[in-house]
């Protein structure tokens, strides 16, 4: 399992650089649209494959969708809105600043820190000293790797 996670993480490290290259031609909203269209095509093909060769039950899938509660549907819509909004923001930052590595590191590290803070203050989760030390190291690393000038082209 960890080898798959390592491979996936390795492959995803190329995304900011590929995106930066594509954004020399496309605007952020055009990139989001085209990327979503291509990803949707791959997801649809995967769904068809799973439906015909594994699950063999499209009705089962439709039944599960119909069982979603209104709250779950609202959460689904919020997740989609957050995904699109954050994607457009990250794409604009990658397009306008020549720091795709720093942007990627900052967004992932900052998201981890925020997730931990939300879990502590909203969901009352407890962390030990090692984990708190790790959070402090992440915050320190973010401060150290973030360029003071902003890196504008």
N, C-alpha and C. Protein backbone atom coordinates (compact mmCIF):
# COMPACT_ATOMS: atom_id res chain seq x y z
N UNK A 1 0.82 -1.19 0.00
CA UNK A 1 0.00 0.00 0.00
C UNK A 1 0.87 1.26 0.00
N UNK A 2 1.93 1.25 0.82
CA UNK A 2 2.77 2.45 0.90
C UNK A 2 3.51 2.70 -0.41
N UNK A 3 3.80 1.64 -1.14
CA UNK A 3 4.47 1.83 -2.43
C UNK A 3 3.54 2.55 -3.41
N UNK A 4 2.24 2.24 -3.36
CA UNK A 4 1.27 2.94 -4.21
C UNK A 4 1.15 4.41 -3.80
N UNK A 5 1.14 4.66 -2.49
CA UNK A 5 1.09 6.05 -2.02
C UNK A 5 2.34 6.81 -2.45
N UNK A 6 3.49 6.16 -2.35
CA UNK A 6 4.74 6.80 -2.76
C UNK A 6 4.73 7.09 -4.26
N UNK A 7 4.28 6.14 -5.06
CA UNK A 7 4.22 6.33 -6.51
C UNK A 7 3.25 7.45 -6.87
N UNK A 8 2.08 7.47 -6.24
CA UNK A 8 1.09 8.51 -6.49
C UNK A 8 1.65 9.88 -6.11
N UNK A 9 2.28 9.96 -4.95
CA UNK A 9 2.87 11.23 -4.52
C UNK A 9 3.96 11.67 -5.48
N UNK A 10 4.79 10.73 -5.93
CA UNK A 10 5.84 11.06 -6.87
C UNK A 10 5.26 11.60 -8.18
N UNK A 11 4.25 10.94 -8.70
CA UNK A 11 3.64 11.38 -9.96
C UNK A 11 2.97 12.74 -9.82
N UNK A 12 2.36 12.99 -8.66
CA UNK A 12 1.68 14.28 -8.45
C UNK A 12 2.66 15.44 -8.32
N UNK A 13 3.93 15.15 -8.04
CA UNK A 13 4.90 16.24 -7.93
C UNK A 13 5.12 16.94 -9.27
N UNK A 14 4.81 16.28 -10.37
CA UNK A 14 4.98 16.88 -11.69
C UNK A 14 3.84 17.84 -12.04
N UNK A 15 2.69 17.70 -11.40
CA UNK A 15 1.51 18.51 -11.75
C UNK A 15 1.77 20.01 -11.78
N UNK A 16 2.37 20.61 -10.75
CA UNK A 16 2.56 22.07 -10.81
C UNK A 16 3.39 22.52 -12.00
N UNK A 17 4.36 21.72 -12.40
CA UNK A 17 5.22 22.11 -13.52
C UNK A 17 4.50 21.92 -14.86
N UNK A 18 3.75 20.83 -14.99
CA UNK A 18 2.95 20.64 -16.20
C UNK A 18 1.91 21.75 -16.31
N UNK A 19 1.26 22.06 -15.18
CA UNK A 19 0.23 23.10 -15.17
C UNK A 19 0.84 24.45 -15.55
N UNK A 20 2.01 24.76 -15.02
CA UNK A 20 2.69 26.02 -15.32
C UNK A 20 2.96 26.13 -16.82
N UNK A 21 3.37 25.03 -17.43
CA UNK A 21 3.64 25.02 -18.87
C UNK A 21 2.35 25.24 -19.67
N UNK A 22 1.28 24.57 -19.28
CA UNK A 22 -0.01 24.72 -19.98
C UNK A 22 -0.57 26.13 -19.82
N UNK A 23 -0.35 26.73 -18.64
CA UNK A 23 -0.90 28.06 -18.37
C UNK A 23 -0.21 29.17 -19.15
N UNK A 24 0.84 28.83 -19.88
CA UNK A 24 1.43 29.81 -20.77
C UNK A 24 0.50 30.09 -21.95
N UNK A 25 -0.42 29.16 -22.23
CA UNK A 25 -1.36 29.30 -23.34
C UNK A 25 -2.78 29.56 -22.86
N UNK A 26 -3.20 28.89 -21.80
CA UNK A 26 -4.58 28.98 -21.33
C UNK A 26 -4.72 29.91 -20.13
N UNK A 27 -5.91 30.47 -19.98
CA UNK A 27 -6.26 31.21 -18.76
C UNK A 27 -6.71 30.20 -17.71
N UNK A 28 -6.79 30.64 -16.47
CA UNK A 28 -7.12 29.73 -15.36
C UNK A 28 -8.48 29.07 -15.55
N UNK A 29 -9.50 29.85 -15.93
CA UNK A 29 -10.84 29.27 -16.09
C UNK A 29 -10.88 28.29 -17.27
N UNK A 30 -10.10 28.57 -18.30
CA UNK A 30 -10.04 27.64 -19.44
C UNK A 30 -9.35 26.34 -19.03
N UNK A 31 -8.29 26.47 -18.25
CA UNK A 31 -7.59 25.29 -17.76
C UNK A 31 -8.52 24.43 -16.90
N UNK A 32 -9.25 25.06 -15.98
CA UNK A 32 -10.16 24.32 -15.10
C UNK A 32 -11.20 23.58 -15.94
N UNK A 33 -11.77 24.24 -16.92
CA UNK A 33 -12.79 23.61 -17.75
C UNK A 33 -12.22 22.42 -18.52
N UNK A 34 -11.10 22.62 -19.21
CA UNK A 34 -10.52 21.56 -20.02
C UNK A 34 -10.04 20.40 -19.15
N UNK A 35 -9.39 20.71 -18.03
CA UNK A 35 -8.93 19.67 -17.11
C UNK A 35 -10.10 18.87 -16.56
N UNK A 36 -11.16 19.56 -16.18
CA UNK A 36 -12.34 18.87 -15.65
C UNK A 36 -12.98 17.98 -16.71
N UNK A 37 -13.02 18.45 -17.93
CA UNK A 37 -13.59 17.66 -19.03
C UNK A 37 -12.78 16.38 -19.25
N UNK A 38 -11.46 16.51 -19.25
CA UNK A 38 -10.61 15.34 -19.46
C UNK A 38 -10.69 14.39 -18.26
N UNK A 39 -10.62 14.92 -17.05
CA UNK A 39 -10.73 14.07 -15.85
C UNK A 39 -12.09 13.37 -15.83
N UNK A 40 -13.15 14.09 -16.16
CA UNK A 40 -14.50 13.50 -16.18
C UNK A 40 -14.57 12.36 -17.18
N UNK A 41 -13.90 12.51 -18.32
CA UNK A 41 -13.89 11.44 -19.32
C UNK A 41 -13.23 10.19 -18.75
N UNK A 42 -12.07 10.36 -18.10
CA UNK A 42 -11.39 9.21 -17.50
C UNK A 42 -12.25 8.58 -16.39
N UNK A 43 -12.88 9.40 -15.58
CA UNK A 43 -13.74 8.87 -14.50
C UNK A 43 -14.92 8.13 -15.08
N UNK A 44 -15.51 8.66 -16.15
CA UNK A 44 -16.65 8.00 -16.79
C UNK A 44 -16.24 6.65 -17.37
N UNK A 45 -15.09 6.59 -18.01
CA UNK A 45 -14.60 5.33 -18.56
C UNK A 45 -14.35 4.33 -17.44
N UNK A 46 -13.75 4.78 -16.34
CA UNK A 46 -13.52 3.90 -15.19
C UNK A 46 -14.84 3.41 -14.60
N UNK A 47 -15.83 4.32 -14.52
CA UNK A 47 -17.15 3.94 -14.01
C UNK A 47 -17.80 2.87 -14.90
N UNK A 48 -17.71 3.06 -16.21
CA UNK A 48 -18.26 2.05 -17.13
C UNK A 48 -17.56 0.71 -16.96
N UNK A 49 -16.24 0.75 -16.85
CA UNK A 49 -15.47 -0.48 -16.65
C UNK A 49 -15.92 -1.20 -15.39
N UNK A 50 -16.00 -0.46 -14.28
CA UNK A 50 -16.43 -1.07 -13.01
C UNK A 50 -17.86 -1.59 -13.10
N UNK A 51 -18.73 -0.84 -13.77
CA UNK A 51 -20.13 -1.23 -13.88
C UNK A 51 -20.30 -2.51 -14.69
N UNK A 52 -19.56 -2.64 -15.78
CA UNK A 52 -19.74 -3.81 -16.65
C UNK A 52 -18.95 -5.03 -16.21
N UNK A 53 -17.77 -4.84 -15.64
CA UNK A 53 -16.92 -5.98 -15.36
C UNK A 53 -16.80 -6.34 -13.88
N UNK A 54 -17.24 -5.47 -12.99
CA UNK A 54 -17.09 -5.78 -11.57
C UNK A 54 -18.43 -5.72 -10.84
N UNK A 55 -19.00 -4.53 -10.70
CA UNK A 55 -20.23 -4.37 -9.94
C UNK A 55 -21.44 -4.89 -10.69
N UNK A 56 -21.47 -4.69 -11.99
CA UNK A 56 -22.55 -5.12 -12.87
C UNK A 56 -23.91 -4.67 -12.38
N UNK A 57 -23.94 -3.51 -11.73
CA UNK A 57 -25.23 -3.04 -11.24
C UNK A 57 -25.28 -1.52 -11.23
N UNK A 58 -25.80 -0.98 -12.30
CA UNK A 58 -26.00 0.46 -12.36
C UNK A 58 -27.14 0.86 -11.43
N UNK A 59 -28.13 -0.04 -11.29
CA UNK A 59 -29.27 0.22 -10.41
C UNK A 59 -28.82 0.37 -8.95
N UNK A 60 -27.83 -0.41 -8.55
CA UNK A 60 -27.30 -0.32 -7.19
C UNK A 60 -26.72 1.07 -6.94
N UNK A 61 -26.00 1.59 -7.92
CA UNK A 61 -25.41 2.92 -7.82
C UNK A 61 -26.51 3.99 -7.73
N UNK A 62 -27.50 3.89 -8.59
CA UNK A 62 -28.60 4.86 -8.57
C UNK A 62 -29.33 4.78 -7.23
N UNK A 63 -29.51 3.57 -6.71
CA UNK A 63 -30.16 3.41 -5.41
C UNK A 63 -29.39 4.08 -4.29
N UNK A 64 -28.06 3.99 -4.35
CA UNK A 64 -27.23 4.65 -3.34
C UNK A 64 -27.34 6.17 -3.44
N UNK A 65 -27.40 6.67 -4.66
CA UNK A 65 -27.56 8.11 -4.85
C UNK A 65 -28.89 8.57 -4.27
N UNK A 66 -29.92 7.81 -4.48
CA UNK A 66 -31.25 8.17 -3.99
C UNK A 66 -31.33 8.13 -2.47
N UNK A 67 -30.43 7.38 -1.83
CA UNK A 67 -30.41 7.29 -0.37
C UNK A 67 -29.66 8.43 0.30
N UNK A 68 -28.99 9.28 -0.50
CA UNK A 68 -28.29 10.41 0.09
C UNK A 68 -29.28 11.34 0.78
N UNK A 69 -28.90 11.79 1.97
CA UNK A 69 -29.75 12.72 2.70
C UNK A 69 -29.55 14.14 2.15
N UNK A 70 -30.50 15.05 2.42
CA UNK A 70 -30.29 16.43 1.98
C UNK A 70 -28.99 17.03 2.51
N UNK A 71 -28.61 16.70 3.73
CA UNK A 71 -27.35 17.20 4.29
C UNK A 71 -26.17 16.67 3.50
N UNK A 72 -26.18 15.40 3.13
CA UNK A 72 -25.10 14.82 2.34
C UNK A 72 -25.02 15.48 0.96
N UNK A 73 -26.15 15.79 0.37
CA UNK A 73 -26.16 16.47 -0.93
C UNK A 73 -25.58 17.87 -0.80
N UNK A 74 -25.94 18.57 0.26
CA UNK A 74 -25.38 19.92 0.51
C UNK A 74 -23.87 19.82 0.70
N UNK A 75 -23.41 18.82 1.48
CA UNK A 75 -21.97 18.64 1.68
C UNK A 75 -21.27 18.34 0.36
N UNK A 76 -21.91 17.52 -0.49
CA UNK A 76 -21.35 17.22 -1.80
C UNK A 76 -21.20 18.50 -2.62
N UNK A 77 -22.20 19.36 -2.59
CA UNK A 77 -22.15 20.62 -3.33
C UNK A 77 -21.06 21.53 -2.76
N UNK A 78 -20.94 21.57 -1.43
CA UNK A 78 -19.89 22.38 -0.81
C UNK A 78 -18.50 21.88 -1.17
N UNK A 79 -18.31 20.55 -1.16
CA UNK A 79 -17.02 19.98 -1.54
C UNK A 79 -16.68 20.36 -2.98
N UNK A 80 -17.66 20.27 -3.87
CA UNK A 80 -17.44 20.64 -5.27
C UNK A 80 -17.09 22.12 -5.40
N UNK A 81 -17.80 22.97 -4.68
CA UNK A 81 -17.54 24.41 -4.73
C UNK A 81 -16.15 24.73 -4.19
N UNK A 82 -15.79 24.12 -3.08
CA UNK A 82 -14.46 24.33 -2.49
C UNK A 82 -13.38 23.84 -3.45
N UNK A 83 -13.60 22.69 -4.08
CA UNK A 83 -12.63 22.14 -5.02
C UNK A 83 -12.40 23.08 -6.20
N UNK A 84 -13.48 23.56 -6.80
CA UNK A 84 -13.35 24.44 -7.96
C UNK A 84 -12.72 25.77 -7.56
N UNK A 85 -13.18 26.34 -6.46
CA UNK A 85 -12.64 27.63 -6.02
C UNK A 85 -11.16 27.53 -5.69
N UNK A 86 -10.78 26.53 -4.92
CA UNK A 86 -9.37 26.39 -4.55
C UNK A 86 -8.52 26.07 -5.78
N UNK A 87 -9.05 25.30 -6.72
CA UNK A 87 -8.31 25.01 -7.94
C UNK A 87 -8.03 26.27 -8.74
N UNK A 88 -9.04 27.12 -8.89
CA UNK A 88 -8.86 28.36 -9.63
C UNK A 88 -7.84 29.26 -8.94
N UNK A 89 -7.90 29.33 -7.62
CA UNK A 89 -6.94 30.16 -6.88
C UNK A 89 -5.52 29.64 -7.07
N UNK A 90 -5.33 28.33 -6.91
CA UNK A 90 -3.99 27.75 -7.07
C UNK A 90 -3.49 27.91 -8.50
N UNK A 91 -4.37 27.74 -9.47
CA UNK A 91 -3.98 27.88 -10.87
C UNK A 91 -3.56 29.32 -11.15
N UNK A 92 -4.30 30.29 -10.64
CA UNK A 92 -3.92 31.69 -10.83
C UNK A 92 -2.58 32.01 -10.17
N UNK A 93 -2.35 31.45 -8.99
CA UNK A 93 -1.06 31.67 -8.32
C UNK A 93 0.06 31.05 -9.14
N UNK A 94 -0.15 29.81 -9.64
CA UNK A 94 0.88 29.18 -10.47
C UNK A 94 1.14 29.96 -11.75
N UNK A 95 0.10 30.53 -12.31
CA UNK A 95 0.26 31.27 -13.56
C UNK A 95 1.00 32.60 -13.34
N UNK A 96 0.70 33.27 -12.24
CA UNK A 96 1.22 34.62 -12.03
C UNK A 96 2.49 34.70 -11.20
N UNK A 97 2.86 33.62 -10.54
CA UNK A 97 4.07 33.60 -9.72
C UNK A 97 4.93 32.42 -10.16
N UNK A 98 6.19 32.64 -10.26
CA UNK A 98 7.10 31.62 -10.74
C UNK A 98 7.61 30.75 -9.60
N UNK A 99 6.68 30.23 -8.81
CA UNK A 99 7.07 29.42 -7.65
C UNK A 99 6.16 28.19 -7.50
N UNK A 100 6.01 27.34 -8.52
CA UNK A 100 5.09 26.21 -8.39
C UNK A 100 5.45 25.25 -7.27
N UNK A 101 6.75 25.03 -7.03
CA UNK A 101 7.15 24.15 -5.94
C UNK A 101 6.72 24.73 -4.59
N UNK A 102 7.04 26.00 -4.38
CA UNK A 102 6.67 26.64 -3.11
C UNK A 102 5.16 26.70 -2.94
N UNK A 103 4.44 27.00 -4.01
CA UNK A 103 2.98 27.04 -3.94
C UNK A 103 2.43 25.69 -3.51
N UNK A 104 2.95 24.63 -4.11
CA UNK A 104 2.49 23.29 -3.78
C UNK A 104 2.83 22.92 -2.34
N UNK A 105 4.07 23.16 -1.94
CA UNK A 105 4.47 22.86 -0.56
C UNK A 105 3.66 23.66 0.45
N UNK A 106 3.49 24.95 0.16
CA UNK A 106 2.76 25.81 1.08
C UNK A 106 1.31 25.37 1.21
N UNK A 107 0.64 25.09 0.09
CA UNK A 107 -0.78 24.73 0.16
C UNK A 107 -0.97 23.40 0.89
N UNK A 108 -0.10 22.43 0.64
CA UNK A 108 -0.24 21.13 1.31
C UNK A 108 0.07 21.24 2.81
N UNK A 109 1.15 21.94 3.14
CA UNK A 109 1.52 22.08 4.55
C UNK A 109 0.50 22.92 5.30
N UNK A 110 0.08 24.01 4.68
CA UNK A 110 -0.90 24.89 5.33
C UNK A 110 -2.22 24.15 5.55
N UNK A 111 -2.62 23.33 4.57
CA UNK A 111 -3.85 22.55 4.71
C UNK A 111 -3.73 21.56 5.87
N UNK A 112 -2.57 20.93 6.01
CA UNK A 112 -2.37 19.99 7.12
C UNK A 112 -2.46 20.69 8.46
N UNK A 113 -1.83 21.85 8.57
CA UNK A 113 -1.87 22.61 9.82
C UNK A 113 -3.31 23.04 10.13
N UNK A 114 -4.01 23.55 9.13
CA UNK A 114 -5.41 23.97 9.35
C UNK A 114 -6.30 22.80 9.75
N UNK A 115 -6.07 21.64 9.13
CA UNK A 115 -6.84 20.45 9.46
C UNK A 115 -6.63 20.07 10.92
N UNK A 116 -5.40 20.14 11.37
CA UNK A 116 -5.10 19.82 12.77
C UNK A 116 -5.75 20.83 13.70
N UNK A 117 -5.66 22.11 13.36
CA UNK A 117 -6.28 23.15 14.21
C UNK A 117 -7.80 22.99 14.27
N UNK A 118 -8.43 22.69 13.14
CA UNK A 118 -9.88 22.46 13.13
C UNK A 118 -10.23 21.25 13.99
N UNK A 119 -9.42 20.19 13.87
CA UNK A 119 -9.71 18.99 14.66
C UNK A 119 -9.57 19.25 16.15
N UNK A 120 -8.65 20.11 16.53
CA UNK A 120 -8.47 20.42 17.96
C UNK A 120 -9.58 21.32 18.48
N UNK A 121 -9.85 22.42 17.77
CA UNK A 121 -10.77 23.42 18.29
C UNK A 121 -12.24 23.14 18.01
N UNK A 122 -12.55 22.41 16.96
CA UNK A 122 -13.96 22.14 16.65
C UNK A 122 -14.36 20.74 17.11
N UNK A 123 -13.48 19.75 16.85
CA UNK A 123 -13.83 18.37 17.17
C UNK A 123 -13.17 17.85 18.45
N UNK A 124 -12.46 18.72 19.17
CA UNK A 124 -11.86 18.40 20.47
C UNK A 124 -10.97 17.17 20.46
N UNK A 125 -10.20 16.98 19.39
CA UNK A 125 -9.25 15.88 19.35
C UNK A 125 -8.01 16.26 20.15
N UNK A 126 -7.35 15.26 20.70
CA UNK A 126 -6.16 15.48 21.51
C UNK A 126 -4.92 15.03 20.75
N UNK A 127 -3.84 15.78 20.90
CA UNK A 127 -2.56 15.44 20.27
C UNK A 127 -1.48 15.38 21.34
N UNK A 128 -0.48 14.51 21.11
CA UNK A 128 0.61 14.40 22.08
C UNK A 128 1.72 15.40 21.72
N UNK A 129 2.77 15.40 22.53
CA UNK A 129 3.84 16.38 22.35
C UNK A 129 4.59 16.19 21.03
N UNK A 130 4.77 14.93 20.60
CA UNK A 130 5.44 14.69 19.32
C UNK A 130 4.64 15.32 18.17
N UNK A 131 3.34 15.15 18.20
CA UNK A 131 2.50 15.70 17.13
C UNK A 131 2.51 17.23 17.17
N UNK A 132 2.47 17.80 18.35
CA UNK A 132 2.52 19.27 18.47
C UNK A 132 3.87 19.78 17.98
N UNK A 133 4.94 19.06 18.32
CA UNK A 133 6.27 19.44 17.83
C UNK A 133 6.31 19.38 16.30
N UNK A 134 5.67 18.38 15.73
CA UNK A 134 5.59 18.26 14.27
C UNK A 134 4.86 19.44 13.65
N UNK A 135 3.79 19.88 14.28
CA UNK A 135 3.03 21.04 13.79
C UNK A 135 3.91 22.28 13.83
N UNK A 136 4.65 22.45 14.92
CA UNK A 136 5.55 23.61 15.04
C UNK A 136 6.62 23.55 13.95
N UNK A 137 7.15 22.36 13.66
CA UNK A 137 8.15 22.22 12.60
C UNK A 137 7.55 22.59 11.24
N UNK A 138 6.32 22.18 10.98
CA UNK A 138 5.67 22.52 9.72
C UNK A 138 5.51 24.03 9.59
N UNK A 139 5.02 24.66 10.64
CA UNK A 139 4.84 26.12 10.61
C UNK A 139 6.18 26.82 10.41
N UNK A 140 7.22 26.35 11.10
CA UNK A 140 8.55 26.93 10.93
C UNK A 140 9.04 26.74 9.50
N UNK A 141 8.84 25.57 8.95
CA UNK A 141 9.24 25.30 7.57
C UNK A 141 8.51 26.19 6.58
N UNK A 142 7.22 26.41 6.83
CA UNK A 142 6.45 27.30 5.96
C UNK A 142 7.02 28.71 5.97
N UNK A 143 7.37 29.17 7.16
CA UNK A 143 7.94 30.52 7.28
C UNK A 143 9.28 30.59 6.56
N UNK A 144 10.09 29.54 6.69
CA UNK A 144 11.43 29.56 6.10
C UNK A 144 11.41 29.44 4.58
N UNK A 145 10.46 28.69 4.01
CA UNK A 145 10.47 28.48 2.54
C UNK A 145 9.69 29.54 1.78
N UNK A 146 8.86 30.31 2.46
CA UNK A 146 8.06 31.32 1.77
C UNK A 146 8.91 32.53 1.45
N UNK A 147 9.01 32.88 0.16
CA UNK A 147 9.83 34.05 -0.21
C UNK A 147 9.17 35.34 0.29
N UNK A 148 9.98 36.24 0.82
CA UNK A 148 9.46 37.48 1.37
C UNK A 148 8.91 38.40 0.29
N UNK A 149 9.48 38.37 -0.92
CA UNK A 149 9.05 39.28 -1.97
C UNK A 149 7.83 38.78 -2.72
N UNK A 150 7.47 37.52 -2.58
CA UNK A 150 6.32 36.98 -3.28
C UNK A 150 6.65 36.34 -4.62
N UNK A 151 7.83 36.57 -5.15
CA UNK A 151 8.27 35.88 -6.37
C UNK A 151 7.51 36.24 -7.63
N UNK A 152 6.96 37.44 -7.74
CA UNK A 152 6.20 37.86 -8.93
C UNK A 152 7.10 37.86 -10.15
N UNK A 153 6.55 37.38 -11.27
CA UNK A 153 7.31 37.37 -12.54
C UNK A 153 7.64 38.75 -13.01
